[in-house]
Amino acid sequence: MKDLKEHAENPNYVLHENISGYIVQCRDCGEILISFGNVLTSVNETGFTNLHNALNNIQKEVDLHTIEMHKKQKKVIVATPLENLNLCFDPDDFYNVIELFDQAKLMLEIKNIII
């Protein structure tokens, strides 16, 4: 937890932020802090790319990952590596998270070319 706190307090490159959250990169170590909804995690660039790819693959087959939940609410379900822990999004929220990752990925590529 200390590492996440340090990343949140240090000046960072803001890769993108929208209504769903933000993605920033630590200027010192290059770790990427991802925050959306109740999720907060820190990953390296490879981990970010893998997560971005996984979310985009789900988006390509979003109907397979969308289920009807309580009171007939549709939810997009994203499995995690942890047994019995899934992320659950309203469809609009899922598309906002996709936009967050897509734009952050572009900004990361631009930053890596320029800096």
Protein backbone atom coordinates (compact mmCIF):
# COMPACT_ATOMS: atom_id res chain seq x y z
CA MET A 1 0.00 0.00 0.00
CA LYS A 2 2.91 2.34 0.70
CA ASP A 3 3.99 2.10 -2.96
CA LEU A 4 0.52 3.12 -4.20
CA LYS A 5 0.48 6.07 -1.80
CA GLU A 6 3.89 7.21 -3.02
CA HIS A 7 2.74 7.01 -6.65
CA ALA A 8 -0.39 9.01 -5.88
CA GLU A 9 1.52 11.77 -4.07
CA ASN A 10 4.45 12.27 -6.48
CA PRO A 11 4.20 14.41 -9.61
CA ASN A 12 3.12 12.14 -12.45
CA TYR A 13 2.47 12.23 -16.17
CA VAL A 14 -1.31 12.27 -16.60
CA LEU A 15 -1.88 9.90 -19.50
CA HIS A 16 -5.65 10.36 -19.52
CA GLU A 17 -8.62 10.95 -17.28
CA ASN A 18 -12.36 10.87 -17.89
CA ILE A 19 -15.59 10.48 -15.94
CA SER A 20 -14.63 6.89 -15.01
CA GLY A 21 -11.16 7.57 -13.60
CA TYR A 22 -7.57 8.36 -14.46
CA ILE A 23 -4.33 6.75 -15.57
CA VAL A 24 -1.01 8.37 -14.64
CA GLN A 25 2.62 7.34 -14.92
CA CYS A 26 5.24 7.95 -12.22
CA ARG A 27 7.99 10.24 -13.49
CA ASP A 28 10.55 8.48 -11.31
CA CYS A 29 9.99 4.74 -11.77
CA GLY A 30 7.64 4.53 -14.78
CA GLU A 31 4.94 2.57 -12.92
CA ILE A 32 1.42 3.27 -14.16
CA LEU A 33 -1.28 4.03 -11.61
CA ILE A 34 -4.78 3.09 -12.78
CA SER A 35 -7.89 4.26 -10.94
CA PHE A 36 -11.49 3.71 -12.01
CA GLY A 37 -14.57 3.09 -9.91
CA ASN A 38 -13.42 1.29 -6.77
CA VAL A 39 -10.32 -0.12 -8.49
CA LEU A 40 -6.81 1.20 -7.80
CA THR A 41 -3.76 -0.64 -9.08
CA SER A 42 -0.20 0.00 -10.14
CA VAL A 43 1.42 -1.86 -13.04
CA ASN A 44 4.48 -1.60 -15.28
CA GLU A 45 4.11 -0.75 -18.99
CA THR A 46 3.88 -4.42 -19.96
CA GLY A 47 1.11 -4.99 -17.40
CA PHE A 48 -0.72 -1.92 -18.69
CA THR A 49 -0.47 -3.14 -22.28
CA ASN A 50 -1.71 -6.60 -21.28
CA LEU A 51 -4.67 -5.13 -19.39
CA HIS A 52 -5.47 -2.77 -22.28
CA ASN A 53 -5.41 -5.69 -24.73
CA ALA A 54 -7.59 -7.85 -22.47
CA LEU A 55 -10.22 -5.11 -22.14
CA ASN A 56 -10.23 -4.52 -25.89
CA ASN A 57 -10.64 -8.25 -26.53
CA ILE A 58 -13.65 -8.26 -24.22
CA GLN A 59 -15.05 -5.24 -26.04
CA LYS A 60 -14.84 -7.15 -29.34
CA GLU A 61 -17.08 -9.86 -27.85
CA VAL A 62 -18.93 -7.72 -25.33
CA ASP A 63 -22.18 -9.66 -25.79
CA LEU A 64 -20.46 -12.82 -24.53
CA HIS A 65 -19.36 -10.97 -21.39
CA THR A 66 -22.68 -9.21 -20.73
CA ILE A 67 -25.15 -10.85 -18.39
CA GLU A 68 -28.43 -9.88 -16.83
CA MET A 69 -28.13 -9.37 -13.10
CA HIS A 70 -30.50 -8.41 -10.30
CA LYS A 71 -33.58 -6.50 -11.47
CA LYS A 72 -32.65 -7.25 -15.11
CA GLN A 73 -29.70 -4.85 -15.07
CA LYS A 74 -27.15 -5.68 -17.77
CA LYS A 75 -23.55 -5.90 -16.60
CA VAL A 76 -20.27 -6.47 -18.44
CA ILE A 77 -18.24 -9.00 -16.46
CA VAL A 78 -14.44 -8.97 -16.57
CA ALA A 79 -12.68 -11.94 -14.98
CA THR A 80 -9.55 -11.32 -12.92
CA PRO A 81 -6.70 -13.71 -12.11
CA LEU A 82 -8.12 -14.06 -8.59
CA GLU A 83 -10.56 -16.90 -8.14
CA ASN A 84 -14.15 -15.68 -7.67
CA LEU A 85 -13.22 -12.01 -8.17
CA ASN A 86 -14.66 -10.31 -11.23
CA LEU A 87 -15.04 -6.70 -12.25
CA CYS A 88 -18.61 -5.70 -13.06
CA PHE A 89 -19.54 -2.67 -15.19
CA ASP A 90 -22.68 -1.05 -16.46
CA PRO A 91 -22.28 -1.10 -20.27
CA ASP A 92 -21.80 2.69 -20.45
CA ASP A 93 -19.20 2.57 -17.69
CA PHE A 94 -17.36 -0.21 -19.51
CA TYR A 95 -17.12 1.89 -22.67
CA ASN A 96 -15.83 4.84 -20.60
CA VAL A 97 -13.12 2.58 -19.15
CA ILE A 98 -12.23 1.40 -22.67
CA GLU A 99 -11.92 5.04 -23.77
CA LEU A 100 -9.78 5.76 -20.69
CA PHE A 101 -7.36 2.94 -21.56
CA ASP A 102 -7.35 3.66 -25.32
CA GLN A 103 -6.46 7.33 -24.85
CA ALA A 104 -3.91 6.58 -22.12
CA LYS A 105 -2.24 4.02 -24.41
CA LEU A 106 -1.94 6.63 -27.18
CA MET A 107 -0.52 9.21 -24.78
CA LEU A 108 1.96 6.66 -23.41
CA GLU A 109 3.18 5.93 -26.95
CA ILE A 110 3.50 9.66 -27.67
CA LYS A 111 5.32 10.29 -24.38
CA ASN A 112 7.73 7.44 -25.08
CA ILE A 113 8.57 8.93 -28.51
CA ILE A 114 9.00 12.50 -27.26
CA ILE A 115 10.73 11.94 -23.93
